[in-house]
């Protein structure tokens, strides 16, 4: 997939590096010439010095050939303009933008941005979840926060410890997708027994996430 990233700072570097490690081609547009030089020494792909809100710069960067555009400048209005130009002028269907002000997240979606990410919103949710539940090792959200993927460490006092999967009464729309035991990944079936020190990957919806955590760890849901 060809991905155009518009923005600056270390986040652009790490996002581009992550995409490239998964086999995607990246092009970066950055206003700062020094950052362009820094990025060009560390990343493969095309680095363009320019203003991503300028339609001519987007045209010269061959935006029309991109599969997706990601706008991650520090200014919400710039991110919105970049995505709208890419969509309306160049027909880019997948437009993604970072939203610095969480109040703008819904507005971006109403204006046709494929996905708007509020880093403040995401970080606060993760901190809140991790603070509330000691046994949660990792947690992330998908599909604009409509699906939650959680990695849970099973302790000897967890209600699910030493139980068969088929005997754990999880609510509808929740799933234990994987069990990691030592260095082995298990796609579990009903007869598999959850053991102490297992790491369990659980997929839930926001509305049943707390209930699933309580069933597996015993933590009281507030």
Foldseek 3Di string as FASTA:
>chain_A
DEEEEEAFDVVVLVVQVVCVVVPYAYEYEYQDPVRLVVSVVPDDHHYHHDQLLDLVSCVVVVLLPGQEYEYEYPDPVSLLSNQVCSCPVRNHQAYEYEDQDVVCQVVSVVVPHNHYHDPVVQVVVQVVVCVQDVQWPDKHADPNQFKIKTKGAAAPPWLQAFHFQLPQDADPAKDFQWKQDPNDIDRDDRRDGHHHRIITIMMHGPVRVQVVCCSGGVRDDD
